Amino acid sequence: MGQSTRWTLTVSSDIDRRVRRFLAAAGRKGDLSRFVEEAVKSRLLELSLKSVPTYSRPSANDVEPAPTNDIDATVERDYGG
């Protein structure tokens, strides 16, 4: 964990009982600080991933045709003549 900082947290008594029961059943009684730190890290990662912009791959409709060297064919195609 490295250097530690002390937090004072307030949670509902229901959450307190559920977390302590979970830790005791998992054989990790007394690991409340570690549990909270892992939960905070997980939540921070989740929130930071939501803020990263996502880019979709271009579809065939988004891709412009490749430039052509045949000016006559381009003019005929685009302007009919």
PDB file of N, CA and C in Angstrom:
ATOM      1  N   MET A   1       0.811  -1.186   0.000  1.00  0.00           N
ATOM      2  CA  MET A   1       0.000   0.000   0.000  1.00  0.00           C
ATOM      3  C   MET A   1       0.860   1.258   0.000  1.00  0.00           C
ATOM      4  N   GLY A   2       2.100   1.169   0.346  1.00  0.00           N
ATOM      5  CA  GLY A   2       2.958   2.351   0.373  1.00  0.00           C
ATOM      6  C   GLY A   2       2.631   3.225   1.559  1.00  0.00           C
ATOM      7  N   GLN A   3       2.856   4.512   1.397  1.00  0.00           N
ATOM      8  CA  GLN A   3       2.555   5.456   2.463  1.00  0.00           C
ATOM      9  C   GLN A   3       1.046   5.589   2.613  1.00  0.00           C
ATOM     10  N   SER A   4       0.574   5.550   3.843  1.00  0.00           N
ATOM     11  CA  SER A   4      -0.862   5.554   4.095  1.00  0.00           C
ATOM     12  C   SER A   4      -1.339   6.914   4.571  1.00  0.00           C
ATOM     13  N   THR A   5      -2.605   7.175   4.297  1.00  0.00           N
ATOM     14  CA  THR A   5      -3.299   8.355   4.788  1.00  0.00           C
ATOM     15  C   THR A   5      -4.557   7.879   5.480  1.00  0.00           C
ATOM     16  N   ARG A   6      -4.863   8.456   6.610  1.00  0.00           N
ATOM     17  CA  ARG A   6      -6.036   8.038   7.366  1.00  0.00           C
ATOM     18  C   ARG A   6      -7.263   8.777   6.858  1.00  0.00           C
ATOM     19  N   TRP A   7      -8.338   8.025   6.605  1.00  0.00           N
ATOM     20  CA  TRP A   7      -9.625   8.585   6.182  1.00  0.00           C
ATOM     21  C   TRP A   7     -10.631   8.349   7.304  1.00  0.00           C
ATOM     22  N   THR A   8     -11.594   9.217   7.378  1.00  0.00           N
ATOM     23  CA  THR A   8     -12.750   8.998   8.237  1.00  0.00           C
ATOM     24  C   THR A   8     -13.944   8.903   7.313  1.00  0.00           C
ATOM     25  N   LEU A   9     -14.580   7.746   7.291  1.00  0.00           N
ATOM     26  CA  LEU A   9     -15.704   7.499   6.390  1.00  0.00           C
ATOM     27  C   LEU A   9     -16.969   7.249   7.186  1.00  0.00           C
ATOM     28  N   THR A  10     -18.078   7.628   6.601  1.00  0.00           N
ATOM     29  CA  THR A  10     -19.375   7.335   7.182  1.00  0.00           C
ATOM     30  C   THR A  10     -20.173   6.548   6.161  1.00  0.00           C
ATOM     31  N   VAL A  11     -20.621   5.361   6.563  1.00  0.00           N
ATOM     32  CA  VAL A  11     -21.446   4.519   5.699  1.00  0.00           C
ATOM     33  C   VAL A  11     -22.649   4.065   6.507  1.00  0.00           C
ATOM     34  N   SER A  12     -23.643   3.586   5.801  1.00  0.00           N
ATOM     35  CA  SER A  12     -24.833   3.080   6.507  1.00  0.00           C
ATOM     36  C   SER A  12     -24.470   1.829   7.297  1.00  0.00           C
ATOM     37  N   SER A  13     -25.240   1.572   8.348  1.00  0.00           N
ATOM     38  CA  SER A  13     -24.962   0.386   9.161  1.00  0.00           C
ATOM     39  C   SER A  13     -25.178  -0.885   8.344  1.00  0.00           C
ATOM     40  N   ASP A  14     -26.096  -0.848   7.380  1.00  0.00           N
ATOM     41  CA  ASP A  14     -26.323  -2.010   6.513  1.00  0.00           C
ATOM     42  C   ASP A  14     -25.069  -2.337   5.694  1.00  0.00           C
ATOM     43  N   ILE A  15     -24.470  -1.321   5.081  1.00  0.00           N
ATOM     44  CA  ILE A  15     -23.240  -1.529   4.293  1.00  0.00           C
ATOM     45  C   ILE A  15     -22.121  -2.018   5.200  1.00  0.00           C
ATOM     46  N   ASP A  16     -22.005  -1.438   6.386  1.00  0.00           N
ATOM     47  CA  ASP A  16     -20.974  -1.859   7.327  1.00  0.00           C
ATOM     48  C   ASP A  16     -21.104  -3.343   7.648  1.00  0.00           C
ATOM     49  N   ARG A  17     -22.317  -3.783   7.980  1.00  0.00           N
ATOM     50  CA  ARG A  17     -22.537  -5.202   8.299  1.00  0.00           C
ATOM     51  C   ARG A  17     -22.235  -6.093   7.103  1.00  0.00           C
ATOM     52  N   ARG A  18     -22.708  -5.686   5.916  1.00  0.00           N
ATOM     53  CA  ARG A  18     -22.508  -6.518   4.722  1.00  0.00           C
ATOM     54  C   ARG A  18     -21.035  -6.665   4.368  1.00  0.00           C
ATOM     55  N   VAL A  19     -20.288  -5.569   4.441  1.00  0.00           N
ATOM     56  CA  VAL A  19     -18.856  -5.630   4.104  1.00  0.00           C
ATOM     57  C   VAL A  19     -18.108  -6.469   5.124  1.00  0.00           C
ATOM     58  N   ARG A  20     -18.373  -6.236   6.389  1.00  0.00           N
ATOM     59  CA  ARG A  20     -17.666  -7.004   7.425  1.00  0.00           C
ATOM     60  C   ARG A  20     -18.010  -8.491   7.358  1.00  0.00           C
ATOM     61  N   ARG A  21     -19.280  -8.799   7.044  1.00  0.00           N
ATOM     62  CA  ARG A  21     -19.687 -10.196   6.892  1.00  0.00           C
ATOM     63  C   ARG A  21     -18.973 -10.823   5.693  1.00  0.00           C
ATOM     64  N   PHE A  22     -18.900 -10.077   4.586  1.00  0.00           N
ATOM     65  CA  PHE A  22     -18.205 -10.578   3.392  1.00  0.00           C
ATOM     66  C   PHE A  22     -16.729 -10.841   3.692  1.00  0.00           C
ATOM     67  N   LEU A  23     -16.072  -9.890   4.336  1.00  0.00           N
ATOM     68  CA  LEU A  23     -14.648 -10.048   4.639  1.00  0.00           C
ATOM     69  C   LEU A  23     -14.413 -11.223   5.583  1.00  0.00           C
ATOM     70  N   ALA A  24     -15.273 -11.395   6.569  1.00  0.00           N
ATOM     71  CA  ALA A  24     -15.122 -12.515   7.505  1.00  0.00           C
ATOM     72  C   ALA A  24     -15.314 -13.850   6.786  1.00  0.00           C
ATOM     73  N   ALA A  25     -16.317 -13.913   5.895  1.00  0.00           N
ATOM     74  CA  ALA A  25     -16.576 -15.157   5.162  1.00  0.00           C
ATOM     75  C   ALA A  25     -15.436 -15.487   4.211  1.00  0.00           C
ATOM     76  N   ALA A  26     -14.774 -14.457   3.691  1.00  0.00           N
ATOM     77  CA  ALA A  26     -13.666 -14.665   2.759  1.00  0.00           C
ATOM     78  C   ALA A  26     -12.352 -14.908   3.495  1.00  0.00           C
ATOM     79  N   GLY A  27     -12.402 -14.907   4.837  1.00  0.00           N
ATOM     80  CA  GLY A  27     -11.177 -15.125   5.608  1.00  0.00           C
ATOM     81  C   GLY A  27     -10.261 -13.916   5.592  1.00  0.00           C
ATOM     82  N   ARG A  28     -10.831 -12.771   5.338  1.00  0.00           N
ATOM     83  CA  ARG A  28     -10.030 -11.543   5.261  1.00  0.00           C
ATOM     84  C   ARG A  28     -10.452 -10.552   6.344  1.00  0.00           C
ATOM     85  N   LYS A  29     -10.903 -11.056   7.469  1.00  0.00           N
ATOM     86  CA  LYS A  29     -11.341 -10.190   8.556  1.00  0.00           C
ATOM     87  C   LYS A  29     -10.230  -9.206   8.906  1.00  0.00           C
ATOM     88  N   GLY A  30     -10.578  -7.939   9.023  1.00  0.00           N
ATOM     89  CA  GLY A  30      -9.579  -6.924   9.343  1.00  0.00           C
ATOM     90  C   GLY A  30      -8.996  -6.266   8.109  1.00  0.00           C
ATOM     91  N   ASP A  31      -9.425  -6.673   6.921  1.00  0.00           N
ATOM     92  CA  ASP A  31      -8.913  -6.085   5.674  1.00  0.00           C
ATOM     93  C   ASP A  31      -9.833  -4.997   5.127  1.00  0.00           C
ATOM     94  N   LEU A  32     -10.537  -4.302   5.997  1.00  0.00           N
ATOM     95  CA  LEU A  32     -11.471  -3.275   5.550  1.00  0.00           C
ATOM     96  C   LEU A  32     -10.757  -2.178   4.761  1.00  0.00           C
ATOM     97  N   SER A  33      -9.609  -1.745   5.218  1.00  0.00           N
ATOM     98  CA  SER A  33      -8.870  -0.693   4.506  1.00  0.00           C
ATOM     99  C   SER A  33      -8.474  -1.147   3.110  1.00  0.00           C
ATOM    100  N   ARG A  34      -8.002  -2.355   2.993  1.00  0.00           N
ATOM    101  CA  ARG A  34      -7.610  -2.891   1.692  1.00  0.00           C
ATOM    102  C   ARG A  34      -8.826  -3.008   0.768  1.00  0.00           C
ATOM    103  N   PHE A  35      -9.962  -3.466   1.340  1.00  0.00           N
ATOM    104  CA  PHE A  35     -11.191  -3.595   0.564  1.00  0.00           C
ATOM    105  C   PHE A  35     -11.634  -2.239   0.020  1.00  0.00           C
ATOM    106  N   VAL A  36     -11.619  -1.217   0.868  1.00  0.00           N
ATOM    107  CA  VAL A  36     -12.024   0.129   0.445  1.00  0.00           C
ATOM    108  C   VAL A  36     -11.069   0.651  -0.618  1.00  0.00           C
ATOM    109  N   GLU A  37      -9.774   0.466  -0.437  1.00  0.00           N
ATOM    110  CA  GLU A  37      -8.803   0.954  -1.416  1.00  0.00           C
ATOM    111  C   GLU A  37      -9.002   0.280  -2.777  1.00  0.00           C
ATOM    112  N   GLU A  38      -9.225  -1.037  -2.779  1.00  0.00           N
ATOM    113  CA  GLU A  38      -9.469  -1.741  -4.043  1.00  0.00           C
ATOM    114  C   GLU A  38     -10.760  -1.260  -4.697  1.00  0.00           C
ATOM    115  N   ALA A  39     -11.795  -1.019  -3.901  1.00  0.00           N
ATOM    116  CA  ALA A  39     -13.074  -0.546  -4.438  1.00  0.00           C
ATOM    117  C   ALA A  39     -12.922   0.847  -5.044  1.00  0.00           C
ATOM    118  N   VAL A  40     -12.176   1.713  -4.383  1.00  0.00           N
ATOM    119  CA  VAL A  40     -11.963   3.075  -4.892  1.00  0.00           C
ATOM    120  C   VAL A  40     -11.148   3.037  -6.181  1.00  0.00           C
ATOM    121  N   LYS A  41     -10.104   2.218  -6.225  1.00  0.00           N
ATOM    122  CA  LYS A  41      -9.306   2.092  -7.451  1.00  0.00           C
ATOM    123  C   LYS A  41     -10.160   1.606  -8.615  1.00  0.00           C
ATOM    124  N   SER A  42     -10.983   0.605  -8.347  1.00  0.00           N
ATOM    125  CA  SER A  42     -11.849   0.052  -9.383  1.00  0.00           C
ATOM    126  C   SER A  42     -12.821   1.104  -9.898  1.00  0.00           C
ATOM    127  N   ARG A  43     -13.425   1.850  -8.985  1.00  0.00           N
ATOM    128  CA  ARG A  43     -14.397   2.880  -9.377  1.00  0.00           C
ATOM    129  C   ARG A  43     -13.714   4.015 -10.135  1.00  0.00           C
ATOM    130  N   LEU A  44     -12.532   4.421  -9.717  1.00  0.00           N
ATOM    131  CA  LEU A  44     -11.798   5.475 -10.433  1.00  0.00           C
ATOM    132  C   LEU A  44     -11.455   5.039 -11.849  1.00  0.00           C
ATOM    133  N   LEU A  45     -11.045   3.788 -12.016  1.00  0.00           N
ATOM    134  CA  LEU A  45     -10.739   3.263 -13.343  1.00  0.00           C
ATOM    135  C   LEU A  45     -11.991   3.279 -14.207  1.00  0.00           C
ATOM    136  N   GLU A  46     -13.103   2.820 -13.647  1.00  0.00           N
ATOM    137  CA  GLU A  46     -14.367   2.795 -14.388  1.00  0.00           C
ATOM    138  C   GLU A  46     -14.763   4.205 -14.843  1.00  0.00           C
ATOM    139  N   LEU A  47     -14.647   5.178 -13.952  1.00  0.00           N
ATOM    140  CA  LEU A  47     -15.013   6.556 -14.295  1.00  0.00           C
ATOM    141  C   LEU A  47     -14.055   7.162 -15.312  1.00  0.00           C
ATOM    142  N   SER A  48     -12.771   6.851 -15.193  1.00  0.00           N
ATOM    143  CA  SER A  48     -11.813   7.426 -16.135  1.00  0.00           C
ATOM    144  C   SER A  48     -11.992   6.834 -17.527  1.00  0.00           C
ATOM    145  N   LEU A  49     -12.362   5.552 -17.618  1.00  0.00           N
ATOM    146  CA  LEU A  49     -12.601   4.945 -18.923  1.00  0.00           C
ATOM    147  C   LEU A  49     -13.830   5.537 -19.595  1.00  0.00           C
ATOM    148  N   LYS A  50     -14.819   5.948 -18.798  1.00  0.00           N
ATOM    149  CA  LYS A  50     -16.009   6.576 -19.367  1.00  0.00           C
ATOM    150  C   LYS A  50     -15.701   7.950 -19.947  1.00  0.00           C
ATOM    151  N   SER A  51     -14.656   8.600 -19.439  1.00  0.00           N
ATOM    152  CA  SER A  51     -14.340   9.946 -19.906  1.00  0.00           C
ATOM    153  C   SER A  51     -13.395   9.950 -21.109  1.00  0.00           C
ATOM    154  N   VAL A  52     -12.876   8.790 -21.496  1.00  0.00           N
ATOM    155  CA  VAL A  52     -11.988   8.693 -22.650  1.00  0.00           C
ATOM    156  C   VAL A  52     -12.836   8.679 -23.921  1.00  0.00           C
ATOM    157  N   PRO A  53     -12.529   9.575 -24.856  1.00  0.00           N
ATOM    158  CA  PRO A  53     -13.337   9.571 -26.084  1.00  0.00           C
ATOM    159  C   PRO A  53     -13.117   8.281 -26.863  1.00  0.00           C
ATOM    160  N   THR A  54     -14.173   7.803 -27.460  1.00  0.00           N
ATOM    161  CA  THR A  54     -14.065   6.594 -28.271  1.00  0.00           C
ATOM    162  C   THR A  54     -14.243   6.963 -29.731  1.00  0.00           C
ATOM    163  N   TYR A  55     -13.559   6.274 -30.550  1.00  0.00           N
ATOM    164  CA  TYR A  55     -13.619   6.525 -31.984  1.00  0.00           C
ATOM    165  C   TYR A  55     -14.054   5.245 -32.672  1.00  0.00           C
ATOM    166  N   SER A  56     -15.024   5.383 -33.545  1.00  0.00           N
ATOM    167  CA  SER A  56     -15.462   4.204 -34.280  1.00  0.00           C
ATOM    168  C   SER A  56     -14.676   4.104 -35.580  1.00  0.00           C
ATOM    169  N   ARG A  57     -14.586   2.909 -36.078  1.00  0.00           N
ATOM    170  CA  ARG A  57     -13.902   2.698 -37.342  1.00  0.00           C
ATOM    171  C   ARG A  57     -14.782   3.246 -38.459  1.00  0.00           C
ATOM    172  N   PRO A  58     -14.196   3.848 -39.471  1.00  0.00           N
ATOM    173  CA  PRO A  58     -15.019   4.363 -40.566  1.00  0.00           C
ATOM    174  C   PRO A  58     -15.702   3.222 -41.314  1.00  0.00           C
ATOM    175  N   SER A  59     -16.919   3.483 -41.733  1.00  0.00           N
ATOM    176  CA  SER A  59     -17.614   2.477 -42.524  1.00  0.00           C
ATOM    177  C   SER A  59     -17.311   2.708 -43.989  1.00  0.00           C
ATOM    178  N   ALA A  60     -17.741   1.809 -44.820  1.00  0.00           N
ATOM    179  CA  ALA A  60     -17.505   1.946 -46.262  1.00  0.00           C
ATOM    180  C   ALA A  60     -18.156   3.222 -46.785  1.00  0.00           C
ATOM    181  N   ASN A  61     -19.244   3.644 -46.167  1.00  0.00           N
ATOM    182  CA  ASN A  61     -19.932   4.861 -46.603  1.00  0.00           C
ATOM    183  C   ASN A  61     -19.173   6.129 -46.227  1.00  0.00           C
ATOM    184  N   ASP A  62     -18.302   6.051 -45.222  1.00  0.00           N
ATOM    185  CA  ASP A  62     -17.556   7.215 -44.768  1.00  0.00           C
ATOM    186  C   ASP A  62     -16.277   7.445 -45.564  1.00  0.00           C
ATOM    187  N   VAL A  63     -15.826   6.435 -46.278  1.00  0.00           N
ATOM    188  CA  VAL A  63     -14.544   6.514 -46.969  1.00  0.00           C
ATOM    189  C   VAL A  63     -14.729   7.188 -48.336  1.00  0.00           C
ATOM    190  N   GLU A  64     -13.924   8.200 -48.581  1.00  0.00           N
ATOM    191  CA  GLU A  64     -13.984   8.864 -49.877  1.00  0.00           C
ATOM    192  C   GLU A  64     -13.283   8.002 -50.923  1.00  0.00           C
ATOM    193  N   PRO A  65     -13.744   8.055 -52.166  1.00  0.00           N
ATOM    194  CA  PRO A  65     -13.074   7.270 -53.201  1.00  0.00           C
ATOM    195  C   PRO A  65     -11.640   7.761 -53.389  1.00  0.00           C
ATOM    196  N   ALA A  66     -10.794   6.858 -53.778  1.00  0.00           N
ATOM    197  CA  ALA A  66      -9.393   7.203 -54.008  1.00  0.00           C
ATOM    198  C   ALA A  66      -9.288   8.179 -55.173  1.00  0.00           C
ATOM    199  N   PRO A  67      -8.369   9.131 -55.089  1.00  0.00           N
ATOM    200  CA  PRO A  67      -8.211  10.081 -56.194  1.00  0.00           C
ATOM    201  C   PRO A  67      -7.810   9.353 -57.479  1.00  0.00           C
ATOM    202  N   THR A  68      -8.281   9.875 -58.566  1.00  0.00           N
ATOM    203  CA  THR A  68      -7.966   9.248 -59.850  1.00  0.00           C
ATOM    204  C   THR A  68      -7.171  10.211 -60.714  1.00  0.00           C
ATOM    205  N   ASN A  69      -6.334   9.674 -61.548  1.00  0.00           N
ATOM    206  CA  ASN A  69      -5.530  10.493 -62.450  1.00  0.00           C
ATOM    207  C   ASN A  69      -6.242  10.724 -63.776  1.00  0.00           C
ATOM    208  N   ASP A  70      -7.349  10.038 -63.970  1.00  0.00           N
ATOM    209  CA  ASP A  70      -8.080  10.149 -65.226  1.00  0.00           C
ATOM    210  C   ASP A  70      -9.081  11.300 -65.126  1.00  0.00           C
ATOM    211  N   ILE A  71      -8.666  12.510 -65.464  1.00  0.00           N
ATOM    212  CA  ILE A  71      -9.495  13.707 -65.332  1.00  0.00           C
ATOM    213  C   ILE A  71     -10.743  13.621 -66.211  1.00  0.00           C
ATOM    214  N   ASP A  72     -10.610  13.107 -67.422  1.00  0.00           N
ATOM    215  CA  ASP A  72     -11.768  13.009 -68.311  1.00  0.00           C
ATOM    216  C   ASP A  72     -12.863  12.131 -67.699  1.00  0.00           C
ATOM    217  N   ALA A  73     -12.477  10.987 -67.127  1.00  0.00           N
ATOM    218  CA  ALA A  73     -13.457  10.090 -66.522  1.00  0.00           C
ATOM    219  C   ALA A  73     -14.103  10.745 -65.305  1.00  0.00           C
ATOM    220  N   THR A  74     -13.334  11.496 -64.550  1.00  0.00           N
ATOM    221  CA  THR A  74     -13.866  12.177 -63.375  1.00  0.00           C
ATOM    222  C   THR A  74     -14.862  13.255 -63.773  1.00  0.00           C
ATOM    223  N   VAL A  75     -14.516  14.045 -64.776  1.00  0.00           N
ATOM    224  CA  VAL A  75     -15.416  15.092 -65.235  1.00  0.00           C
ATOM    225  C   VAL A  75     -16.698  14.485 -65.778  1.00  0.00           C
ATOM    226  N   GLU A  76     -16.574  13.408 -66.558  1.00  0.00           N
ATOM    227  CA  GLU A  76     -17.767  12.764 -67.118  1.00  0.00           C
ATOM    228  C   GLU A  76     -18.636  12.198 -66.012  1.00  0.00           C
ATOM    229  N   ARG A  77     -18.010  11.571 -65.011  1.00  0.00           N
ATOM    230  CA  ARG A  77     -18.763  10.968 -63.911  1.00  0.00           C
ATOM    231  C   ARG A  77     -19.467  12.043 -63.091  1.00  0.00           C
ATOM    232  N   ASP A  78     -18.759  13.136 -62.772  1.00  0.00           N
ATOM    233  CA  ASP A  78     -19.310  14.158 -61.881  1.00  0.00           C
ATOM    234  C   ASP A  78     -20.211  15.168 -62.589  1.00  0.00           C
ATOM    235  N   TYR A  79     -19.933  15.458 -63.837  1.00  0.00           N
ATOM    236  CA  TYR A  79     -20.660  16.521 -64.503  1.00  0.00           C
ATOM    237  C   TYR A  79     -21.404  16.048 -65.761  1.00  0.00           C
ATOM    238  N   GLY A  80     -21.297  14.783 -66.063  1.00  0.00           N
ATOM    239  CA  GLY A  80     -22.023  14.213 -67.199  1.00  0.00           C
ATOM    240  C   GLY A  80     -21.555  14.707 -68.529  1.00  0.00           C
ATOM    241  N   GLY A  81     -20.335  14.998 -68.654  1.00  0.00           N
ATOM    242  CA  GLY A  81     -20.001  15.422 -69.983  1.00  0.00           C
ATOM    243  C   GLY A  81     -18.654  15.873 -70.180  1.00  0.00           C
TER     244      GLY A  81
END
